[in-house]
Amino acid sequence: MKTQGMKSLVLWCRWHDARLRLQGRDGEAVWGELAFNDRTERFRYELGARRLTIGAGEGQRAVQLDDMGVESD
């Protein structure tokens, strides 16, 4: 597993007060739930690209993370 990519996700969770509940992984991604104080959301995180996809269906959104877990363009 690419640990540098996971670092960005872990830091993003810290910045957003979210707990990371991993449910699966493969060589390219990890997935599971993000647990916030008032809700949980499904997620998929692409390790190499550092792309975090949150939610499912029409409410789904994708964000790009930098090395420090900050959302970037």
N, C-alpha and C. Protein backbone atom coordinates (compact mmCIF):
# COMPACT_ATOMS: atom_id res chain seq x y z
N MET A 1 0.85 -1.18 0.00
CA MET A 1 0.00 0.00 0.00
C MET A 1 0.89 1.24 0.00
N LYS A 2 0.45 2.26 -0.70
CA LYS A 2 1.22 3.49 -0.80
C LYS A 2 0.96 4.35 0.43
N THR A 3 1.88 4.35 1.37
CA THR A 3 1.64 5.04 2.64
C THR A 3 1.61 6.54 2.49
N GLN A 4 2.37 7.11 1.55
CA GLN A 4 2.33 8.56 1.36
C GLN A 4 0.92 9.01 1.00
N GLY A 5 0.22 8.26 0.16
CA GLY A 5 -1.15 8.58 -0.20
C GLY A 5 -2.09 8.49 0.98
N MET A 6 -1.89 7.52 1.84
CA MET A 6 -2.73 7.38 3.05
C MET A 6 -2.50 8.54 4.00
N LYS A 7 -1.29 9.06 4.05
CA LYS A 7 -1.00 10.19 4.93
C LYS A 7 -1.92 11.37 4.61
N SER A 8 -2.12 11.65 3.34
CA SER A 8 -2.99 12.75 2.95
C SER A 8 -4.42 12.53 3.43
N LEU A 9 -4.91 11.30 3.30
CA LEU A 9 -6.27 10.99 3.76
C LEU A 9 -6.40 11.14 5.27
N VAL A 10 -5.43 10.63 6.00
CA VAL A 10 -5.46 10.72 7.47
C VAL A 10 -5.44 12.18 7.91
N LEU A 11 -4.61 12.98 7.28
CA LEU A 11 -4.56 14.41 7.62
C LEU A 11 -5.88 15.11 7.27
N TRP A 12 -6.47 14.77 6.13
CA TRP A 12 -7.76 15.36 5.76
C TRP A 12 -8.80 15.04 6.84
N CYS A 13 -8.79 13.81 7.34
CA CYS A 13 -9.73 13.42 8.40
C CYS A 13 -9.51 14.26 9.66
N ARG A 14 -8.27 14.51 10.01
CA ARG A 14 -7.98 15.36 11.18
C ARG A 14 -8.53 16.77 10.98
N TRP A 15 -8.31 17.34 9.79
CA TRP A 15 -8.77 18.71 9.53
C TRP A 15 -10.29 18.80 9.57
N HIS A 16 -10.99 17.71 9.28
CA HIS A 16 -12.45 17.72 9.20
C HIS A 16 -13.12 16.98 10.37
N ASP A 17 -12.37 16.68 11.41
CA ASP A 17 -12.92 15.98 12.58
C ASP A 17 -13.70 14.73 12.19
N ALA A 18 -13.10 13.92 11.33
CA ALA A 18 -13.74 12.69 10.87
C ALA A 18 -12.92 11.49 11.32
N ARG A 19 -13.62 10.43 11.68
CA ARG A 19 -12.96 9.17 11.99
C ARG A 19 -13.01 8.30 10.73
N LEU A 20 -11.93 7.63 10.49
CA LEU A 20 -11.77 6.81 9.29
C LEU A 20 -12.13 5.37 9.63
N ARG A 21 -13.14 4.84 8.97
CA ARG A 21 -13.54 3.44 9.17
C ARG A 21 -13.30 2.69 7.86
N LEU A 22 -12.13 2.06 7.77
CA LEU A 22 -11.78 1.33 6.55
C LEU A 22 -12.58 0.04 6.47
N GLN A 23 -13.09 -0.25 5.27
CA GLN A 23 -13.83 -1.49 5.05
C GLN A 23 -13.18 -2.37 4.01
N GLY A 24 -12.28 -1.79 3.22
CA GLY A 24 -11.60 -2.59 2.20
C GLY A 24 -10.47 -1.83 1.57
N ARG A 25 -9.63 -2.56 0.85
CA ARG A 25 -8.52 -1.94 0.14
C ARG A 25 -8.03 -2.89 -0.95
N ASP A 26 -7.39 -2.29 -1.93
CA ASP A 26 -6.67 -3.05 -2.93
C ASP A 26 -5.41 -2.24 -3.26
N GLY A 27 -4.72 -2.56 -4.31
CA GLY A 27 -3.49 -1.88 -4.64
C GLY A 27 -3.67 -0.44 -5.09
N GLU A 28 -4.90 -0.07 -5.45
CA GLU A 28 -5.17 1.26 -5.99
C GLU A 28 -5.94 2.17 -5.06
N ALA A 29 -6.74 1.62 -4.15
CA ALA A 29 -7.67 2.46 -3.37
C ALA A 29 -7.99 1.82 -2.01
N VAL A 30 -8.55 2.66 -1.14
CA VAL A 30 -9.16 2.20 0.11
C VAL A 30 -10.59 2.76 0.12
N TRP A 31 -11.49 2.10 0.87
CA TRP A 31 -12.86 2.56 0.94
C TRP A 31 -13.46 2.20 2.27
N GLY A 32 -14.59 2.84 2.57
CA GLY A 32 -15.26 2.61 3.83
C GLY A 32 -16.17 3.76 4.17
N GLU A 33 -16.13 4.19 5.45
CA GLU A 33 -16.99 5.28 5.93
C GLU A 33 -16.15 6.33 6.62
N LEU A 34 -16.59 7.57 6.48
CA LEU A 34 -16.06 8.69 7.24
C LEU A 34 -17.11 9.01 8.29
N ALA A 35 -16.74 8.97 9.56
CA ALA A 35 -17.69 9.23 10.64
C ALA A 35 -17.43 10.62 11.20
N PHE A 36 -18.37 11.51 10.97
CA PHE A 36 -18.33 12.86 11.51
C PHE A 36 -19.18 12.86 12.79
N ASN A 37 -19.19 13.96 13.51
CA ASN A 37 -19.97 14.02 14.77
C ASN A 37 -21.45 13.77 14.53
N ASP A 38 -22.00 14.26 13.42
CA ASP A 38 -23.45 14.20 13.20
C ASP A 38 -23.89 13.27 12.07
N ARG A 39 -22.93 12.63 11.37
CA ARG A 39 -23.30 11.79 10.24
C ARG A 39 -22.13 10.88 9.83
N THR A 40 -22.45 9.91 9.00
CA THR A 40 -21.41 9.10 8.36
C THR A 40 -21.62 9.19 6.85
N GLU A 41 -20.52 9.08 6.12
CA GLU A 41 -20.58 9.13 4.67
C GLU A 41 -19.66 8.06 4.11
N ARG A 42 -20.10 7.40 3.06
CA ARG A 42 -19.27 6.42 2.38
C ARG A 42 -18.18 7.17 1.61
N PHE A 43 -17.03 6.53 1.45
CA PHE A 43 -15.94 7.15 0.70
C PHE A 43 -15.14 6.11 -0.06
N ARG A 44 -14.44 6.60 -1.05
CA ARG A 44 -13.42 5.83 -1.78
C ARG A 44 -12.25 6.78 -1.98
N TYR A 45 -11.05 6.30 -1.70
CA TYR A 45 -9.86 7.12 -1.82
C TYR A 45 -8.85 6.44 -2.73
N GLU A 46 -8.52 7.11 -3.85
CA GLU A 46 -7.54 6.59 -4.80
C GLU A 46 -6.15 6.98 -4.32
N LEU A 47 -5.35 6.01 -3.96
CA LEU A 47 -4.06 6.24 -3.31
C LEU A 47 -3.08 7.01 -4.18
N GLY A 48 -2.85 6.57 -5.39
CA GLY A 48 -1.85 7.22 -6.24
C GLY A 48 -2.24 8.62 -6.65
N ALA A 49 -3.52 8.81 -6.96
CA ALA A 49 -4.01 10.12 -7.42
C ALA A 49 -4.36 11.04 -6.27
N ARG A 50 -4.48 10.51 -5.06
CA ARG A 50 -4.92 11.26 -3.87
C ARG A 50 -6.27 11.92 -4.10
N ARG A 51 -7.19 11.18 -4.74
CA ARG A 51 -8.53 11.68 -4.99
C ARG A 51 -9.50 11.02 -4.02
N LEU A 52 -10.23 11.84 -3.28
CA LEU A 52 -11.20 11.38 -2.29
C LEU A 52 -12.60 11.60 -2.85
N THR A 53 -13.37 10.53 -2.96
CA THR A 53 -14.76 10.61 -3.41
C THR A 53 -15.63 10.31 -2.20
N ILE A 54 -16.53 11.25 -1.90
CA ILE A 54 -17.37 11.15 -0.71
C ILE A 54 -18.83 11.05 -1.13
N GLY A 55 -19.58 10.17 -0.47
CA GLY A 55 -20.99 10.02 -0.75
C GLY A 55 -21.25 9.01 -1.84
N ALA A 56 -22.53 8.91 -2.21
CA ALA A 56 -22.95 7.97 -3.25
C ALA A 56 -24.08 8.60 -4.05
N GLY A 57 -24.24 8.14 -5.25
CA GLY A 57 -25.33 8.62 -6.10
C GLY A 57 -25.17 10.08 -6.49
N GLU A 58 -26.28 10.80 -6.55
CA GLU A 58 -26.28 12.19 -6.98
C GLU A 58 -25.54 13.12 -6.01
N GLY A 59 -25.47 12.76 -4.74
CA GLY A 59 -24.80 13.59 -3.75
C GLY A 59 -23.30 13.39 -3.69
N GLN A 60 -22.77 12.57 -4.57
CA GLN A 60 -21.34 12.24 -4.56
C GLN A 60 -20.50 13.44 -4.98
N ARG A 61 -19.37 13.64 -4.28
CA ARG A 61 -18.44 14.69 -4.69
C ARG A 61 -17.02 14.17 -4.57
N ALA A 62 -16.15 14.67 -5.43
CA ALA A 62 -14.75 14.25 -5.43
C ALA A 62 -13.88 15.46 -5.15
N VAL A 63 -12.85 15.27 -4.33
CA VAL A 63 -11.89 16.33 -4.03
C VAL A 63 -10.48 15.79 -4.22
N GLN A 64 -9.62 16.66 -4.65
CA GLN A 64 -8.19 16.35 -4.82
C GLN A 64 -7.46 16.81 -3.58
N LEU A 65 -6.61 15.95 -3.01
CA LEU A 65 -5.86 16.29 -1.81
C LEU A 65 -4.40 16.53 -2.16
N ASP A 66 -3.77 17.45 -1.42
CA ASP A 66 -2.32 17.64 -1.59
C ASP A 66 -1.59 16.80 -0.54
N ASP A 67 -0.29 16.98 -0.42
CA ASP A 67 0.52 16.19 0.50
C ASP A 67 0.10 16.32 1.96
N MET A 68 -0.46 17.48 2.31
CA MET A 68 -0.85 17.75 3.70
C MET A 68 -2.34 17.49 3.97
N GLY A 69 -3.03 16.88 3.02
CA GLY A 69 -4.44 16.56 3.22
C GLY A 69 -5.37 17.74 3.01
N VAL A 70 -4.86 18.79 2.38
CA VAL A 70 -5.68 19.97 2.10
C VAL A 70 -6.28 19.81 0.71
N GLU A 71 -7.55 20.18 0.56
CA GLU A 71 -8.20 20.11 -0.75
C GLU A 71 -7.57 21.11 -1.69
N SER A 72 -7.23 20.66 -2.90
CA SER A 72 -6.62 21.54 -3.89
C SER A 72 -7.39 21.43 -5.20
N ASP A 73 -7.10 22.32 -6.11
CA ASP A 73 -7.79 22.34 -7.40
C ASP A 73 -7.29 21.31 -8.34
